[in-house]
Protein backbone atom coordinates (compact mmCIF):
# COMPACT_ATOMS: atom_id res chain seq x y z
CA MET A 1 10.33 33.47 -25.11
CA ASN A 2 13.50 31.61 -24.13
CA ASN A 3 13.78 27.95 -23.23
CA GLU A 4 14.76 28.70 -19.61
CA LEU A 5 11.39 30.32 -19.01
CA ILE A 6 9.65 27.36 -20.61
CA LEU A 7 11.54 24.95 -18.36
CA ASN A 8 10.58 27.00 -15.31
CA ASN A 9 6.93 26.37 -16.12
CA LYS A 10 7.29 22.66 -15.39
CA ASN A 11 5.46 21.31 -12.34
CA ASN A 12 3.83 24.55 -11.22
CA LEU A 13 0.26 23.23 -11.22
CA ASN A 14 0.46 21.59 -7.77
CA ASN A 15 2.28 18.83 -5.92
CA ASN A 16 0.37 16.19 -7.85
CA THR A 17 2.31 17.07 -11.00
CA ASN A 18 5.62 15.73 -9.69
CA ASP A 19 6.91 12.55 -11.30
CA VAL A 20 4.45 9.77 -10.50
CA THR A 21 5.97 6.90 -8.50
CA PHE A 22 4.46 3.99 -6.61
CA GLU A 23 5.81 5.51 -3.41
CA ASN A 24 3.89 8.78 -3.79
CA GLN A 25 0.80 6.83 -4.85
CA LYS A 26 1.11 4.72 -1.70
CA GLY A 27 1.67 7.83 0.40
CA PHE A 28 -1.54 9.33 -0.97
CA LEU A 29 -3.46 6.14 -0.18
CA GLU A 30 -2.09 6.05 3.39
CA GLY A 31 -3.48 9.51 4.04
CA ASP A 32 -6.69 9.19 2.05
CA LEU A 33 -7.72 5.70 3.17
CA GLY A 34 -6.53 6.41 6.71
CA GLN A 35 -8.91 9.36 6.92
CA ALA A 36 -11.76 7.30 5.44
CA ILE A 37 -11.17 4.57 8.05
CA ASN A 38 -10.98 7.00 10.97
CA GLU A 39 -14.18 8.75 9.89
CA GLY A 40 -15.87 5.38 9.40
CA VAL A 41 -15.03 4.35 12.95
CA ASN A 42 -16.33 7.69 14.19
CA PHE A 43 -19.65 7.36 12.33
CA GLY A 44 -20.00 3.73 13.37
CA ILE A 45 -19.59 4.52 17.07
CA ARG A 46 -22.22 7.25 16.78
CA ALA A 47 -24.63 4.73 15.22
CA LEU A 48 -24.01 2.22 18.02
CA LEU A 49 -24.37 4.79 20.82
CA PRO A 50 -27.20 7.07 19.65
CA ASP A 51 -28.16 8.18 23.18
CA VAL A 52 -24.66 9.30 24.17
CA ILE A 53 -23.94 13.03 23.97
CA GLU A 54 -21.55 14.32 21.31
CA ASP A 55 -18.69 15.20 23.67
CA ASP A 56 -18.73 11.68 25.13
CA ILE A 57 -18.81 10.15 21.64
CA ILE A 58 -15.69 12.15 20.75
CA GLU A 59 -14.00 10.99 23.96
CA ILE A 60 -14.85 7.33 23.24
CA LYS A 61 -13.67 7.63 19.64
CA ASP A 62 -10.41 9.30 20.72
CA SER A 63 -9.86 6.56 23.30
CA ILE A 64 -9.93 3.95 20.52
CA ILE A 65 -8.30 5.89 17.68
CA THR A 66 -4.95 6.49 19.36
CA ASP A 67 -1.54 6.94 17.76
CA GLY A 68 -1.13 3.17 18.00
CA PHE A 69 -4.40 2.65 16.13
CA LYS A 70 -3.34 5.09 13.40
CA ALA A 71 0.05 3.40 13.05
CA GLY A 72 -1.70 0.06 12.76
CA VAL A 73 -3.99 1.43 10.05
CA LYS A 74 -1.01 2.76 8.08
CA THR A 75 0.67 -0.64 8.24
CA ALA A 76 -2.59 -2.36 7.28
CA ILE A 77 -2.97 -0.11 4.22
CA ASP A 78 0.62 -0.74 3.13
CA ASN A 79 0.24 -4.51 3.58
CA ALA A 80 -3.13 -4.57 1.80
CA VAL A 81 -1.70 -2.65 -1.14
CA GLU A 82 1.29 -4.98 -1.46
CA LEU A 83 -0.84 -8.12 -1.12
CA GLY A 84 -3.52 -6.79 -3.45
CA LYS A 85 -0.96 -5.88 -6.10
CA SER A 86 0.33 -9.44 -6.16
CA PHE A 87 -3.22 -10.79 -6.44
CA ILE A 88 -4.04 -8.75 -9.54
CA GLY A 89 -0.62 -9.12 -11.11
CA ILE A 90 0.95 -5.70 -10.49
CA PHE A 91 4.31 -7.00 -9.33
CA THR A 92 6.26 -3.84 -10.10
CA GLY A 93 5.45 -0.33 -11.22
CA LYS A 94 2.56 1.99 -10.49
CA PHE A 95 -1.20 2.06 -10.52
CA GLU A 96 -2.49 3.12 -13.92
CA ASN A 97 -6.14 3.71 -13.04
CA MET A 98 -8.62 3.73 -10.16
CA SER A 99 -10.07 0.33 -11.12
CA GLN A 100 -6.72 -1.22 -10.20
CA VAL A 101 -6.73 0.64 -6.89
CA LYS A 102 -10.24 -0.58 -6.05
CA ASP A 103 -9.30 -4.19 -6.85
CA VAL A 104 -6.12 -3.98 -4.78
CA VAL A 105 -7.92 -2.57 -1.72
CA LYS A 106 -10.60 -5.25 -1.96
CA LYS A 107 -8.30 -8.22 -2.57
CA GLY A 108 -5.68 -7.02 -0.09
CA GLY A 109 -7.99 -7.72 2.86
CA LEU A 110 -7.95 -4.17 4.25
CA ILE A 111 -11.32 -4.46 6.03
CA ASP A 112 -10.24 -7.67 7.79
CA SER A 113 -7.10 -5.89 8.98
CA VAL A 114 -9.14 -2.91 10.21
CA SER A 115 -11.33 -5.38 12.15
CA SER A 116 -8.26 -6.70 13.99
CA ILE A 117 -6.95 -3.21 14.70
CA LEU A 118 -10.37 -2.19 16.01
CA ASP A 119 -10.34 -5.17 18.41
CA TRP A 120 -6.93 -4.02 19.62
CA GLY A 121 -8.10 -0.40 20.07
CA ILE A 122 -11.20 -1.40 22.04
CA LYS A 123 -9.17 -3.72 24.28
CA LYS A 124 -6.52 -1.07 25.00
CA ALA A 125 -9.15 1.57 25.75
CA GLU A 126 -10.95 -0.75 28.16
CA GLU A 127 -7.75 -1.90 29.87
CA SER A 128 -6.69 1.73 30.34
CA GLY A 129 -10.04 2.62 31.86
CA LEU A 130 -10.80 5.09 29.09
CA ILE A 131 -14.06 3.30 28.27
CA ASN A 132 -16.11 1.09 30.59
CA LYS A 133 -16.84 -2.59 30.03
CA ASN A 134 -20.44 -1.98 28.92
CA THR A 135 -19.38 0.51 26.23
CA ALA A 136 -16.61 -1.82 25.09
CA ASN A 137 -19.08 -4.70 24.76
CA ILE A 138 -21.55 -2.59 22.76
CA ILE A 139 -18.80 -1.59 20.32
CA LYS A 140 -17.47 -5.16 20.07
CA THR A 141 -20.95 -6.54 19.43
CA GLY A 142 -21.68 -3.89 16.83
CA LYS A 143 -18.29 -4.05 15.16
CA ASP A 144 -19.84 -5.09 11.84
CA THR A 145 -21.74 -1.79 11.81
CA ILE A 146 -18.47 0.10 12.16
CA LEU A 147 -16.77 -1.99 9.49
CA GLY A 148 -19.74 -1.37 7.20
CA THR A 149 -19.36 2.40 7.55
CA VAL A 150 -15.60 2.08 6.99
CA ASN A 151 -16.18 0.06 3.82
CA ASN A 152 -18.81 2.53 2.58
CA ASN A 153 -16.44 5.43 3.24
CA ILE A 154 -13.70 3.77 1.21
CA GLU A 155 -16.12 2.97 -1.64
CA ASN A 156 -17.45 6.53 -1.65
CA ASN A 157 -13.92 7.88 -1.64
CA MET A 158 -13.00 5.80 -4.71
CA THR A 159 -16.17 6.89 -6.49
CA THR A 160 -15.39 10.55 -5.75
CA GLN A 161 -11.89 10.14 -7.19
CA ILE A 162 -13.24 8.52 -10.36
CA GLU A 163 -15.68 11.43 -10.72
CA SER A 164 -12.83 13.92 -10.28
CA ILE A 165 -10.80 12.18 -13.00
CA GLU A 166 -13.81 12.36 -15.33
CA LYS A 167 -14.15 16.06 -14.54
CA ILE A 168 -10.46 16.63 -15.32
CA ASP A 169 -10.93 14.97 -18.72
CA LYS A 170 -13.90 17.25 -19.38
CA TYR A 171 -12.04 20.40 -18.28
CA VAL A 172 -8.98 19.50 -20.37
CA SER A 173 -11.26 19.05 -23.38
CA LYS A 174 -12.90 22.43 -22.72
CA TRP A 175 -9.49 24.05 -22.23
CA ASN A 176 -8.39 22.75 -25.63
CA GLU A 177 -11.59 24.04 -27.18
CA TYR A 178 -10.94 27.54 -25.83
CA TYR A 179 -7.24 27.27 -26.74
CA ASN A 180 -8.21 26.68 -30.36
CA LYS A 181 -10.42 29.77 -30.15
CA GLN A 182 -7.58 31.74 -28.48
CA ASP A 183 -9.95 32.57 -25.61
CA PHE A 184 -7.57 32.95 -22.67
CA THR A 185 -10.24 34.09 -20.20
CA ASN A 186 -12.17 30.83 -20.48
CA MET A 187 -8.92 28.84 -20.66
CA GLU A 188 -8.03 30.29 -17.27
CA LYS A 189 -11.38 29.20 -15.83
CA GLN A 190 -10.88 25.61 -17.00
CA TYR A 191 -7.27 25.64 -15.79
CA LYS A 192 -8.37 26.55 -12.26
CA LYS A 193 -10.97 23.78 -12.33
CA ILE A 194 -8.26 21.29 -13.32
CA GLU A 195 -6.09 22.54 -10.44
CA ASN A 196 -8.91 22.04 -7.98
CA GLU A 197 -9.74 18.48 -9.05
CA LEU A 198 -6.09 17.37 -9.17
CA GLU A 199 -5.79 18.05 -5.45
CA LYS A 200 -8.44 15.39 -4.77
CA ILE A 201 -7.02 12.42 -6.67
CA MET A 202 -4.24 9.92 -6.32
CA PRO A 203 -1.45 10.73 -8.80
CA LEU A 204 -2.01 8.68 -11.97
CA GLU A 205 0.46 9.16 -14.79
CA ASN A 206 -1.98 9.46 -17.69
CA VAL A 207 -4.07 12.04 -15.82
CA ILE A 208 -1.04 14.02 -14.66
CA ASN A 209 0.47 14.08 -18.16
CA LYS A 210 -2.73 15.56 -19.60
CA ALA A 211 -2.62 18.24 -16.92
CA ARG A 212 1.06 18.97 -17.58
CA VAL A 213 0.46 19.60 -21.28
CA VAL A 214 -2.27 22.08 -20.36
CA GLU A 215 -0.09 23.64 -17.68
CA ASN A 216 2.92 24.13 -19.95
CA LEU A 217 0.96 25.65 -22.81
CA HIS A 218 -1.18 27.74 -20.48
CA ASN A 219 1.82 29.27 -18.72
CA LEU A 220 3.66 29.79 -22.00
CA ILE A 221 0.78 31.87 -23.32
CA LYS A 222 0.27 33.67 -20.00
CA ASN A 223 3.95 34.57 -19.69
CA ASN A 224 3.93 35.66 -23.32
CA GLY A 225 1.45 38.41 -22.50
CA LYS A 226 -1.51 36.15 -23.41
CA ASN A 227 -0.14 36.13 -26.95
CA PHE A 228 -0.90 32.88 -28.76
CA ASN A 229 1.84 33.44 -31.32
CA LEU A 230 4.27 30.77 -30.10
CA SER A 231 7.18 29.36 -32.03
CA LYS A 232 7.29 25.74 -33.19
CA GLU A 233 10.20 25.16 -30.80
CA GLU A 234 8.19 26.47 -27.83
CA LEU A 235 5.20 24.29 -28.68
CA GLU A 236 7.36 21.18 -29.10
CA LEU A 237 9.20 21.78 -25.84
CA ALA A 238 5.93 22.34 -23.94
CA ASN A 239 4.75 18.90 -25.03
CA LYS A 240 8.08 17.27 -24.17
CA LEU A 241 8.00 18.45 -20.55
CA VAL A 242 5.64 15.71 -19.42
């Protein structure tokens, strides 16, 4: 197998295997936390208005979660990340693990910012006549319920990511076990599991590098007709492409 084919194997696993930067980590958090916040607001409104029919709940939620609300959430996430990084001493560089991310989100005051944005959204919806005064007052009074669901959503999201990272470690270990046995069928099964879990997590360099080593070796063997007889040069290059 020539070196050009080996080089072409780099970064085929999925978009999460691109070079890890703080910018793509922040971009992931904007989307992931933004969704958790929006869903938290949705669930919170349902809890506050249990007697309102589903279509009306959706209309109320959409009246509050406008494009302006979403833009405010994105800014709040970015500001919380920057502030939180300074609090825990990450002045430059990237997140190395999910514990750092959890600390940053907590110390960056994200929930307080969401509270302010929620006040803005309720006010705009009431002023525009999209929700009546009584509904606006119920949501304002029960805002802590909404913020509680938002916070729980964020916590659950972080927990799910940690679980996915643990699964990746387990699947990489199993892949190596089958690699040593030259069992490509079971290697393929573990490889697909790694692919699936990588799509769920924020890009973290140590996790991505483990996946890249698996990816490079896996594709080398696959493109070599599932023949495990690789040269020393091929094996060395596969490990360098991380």
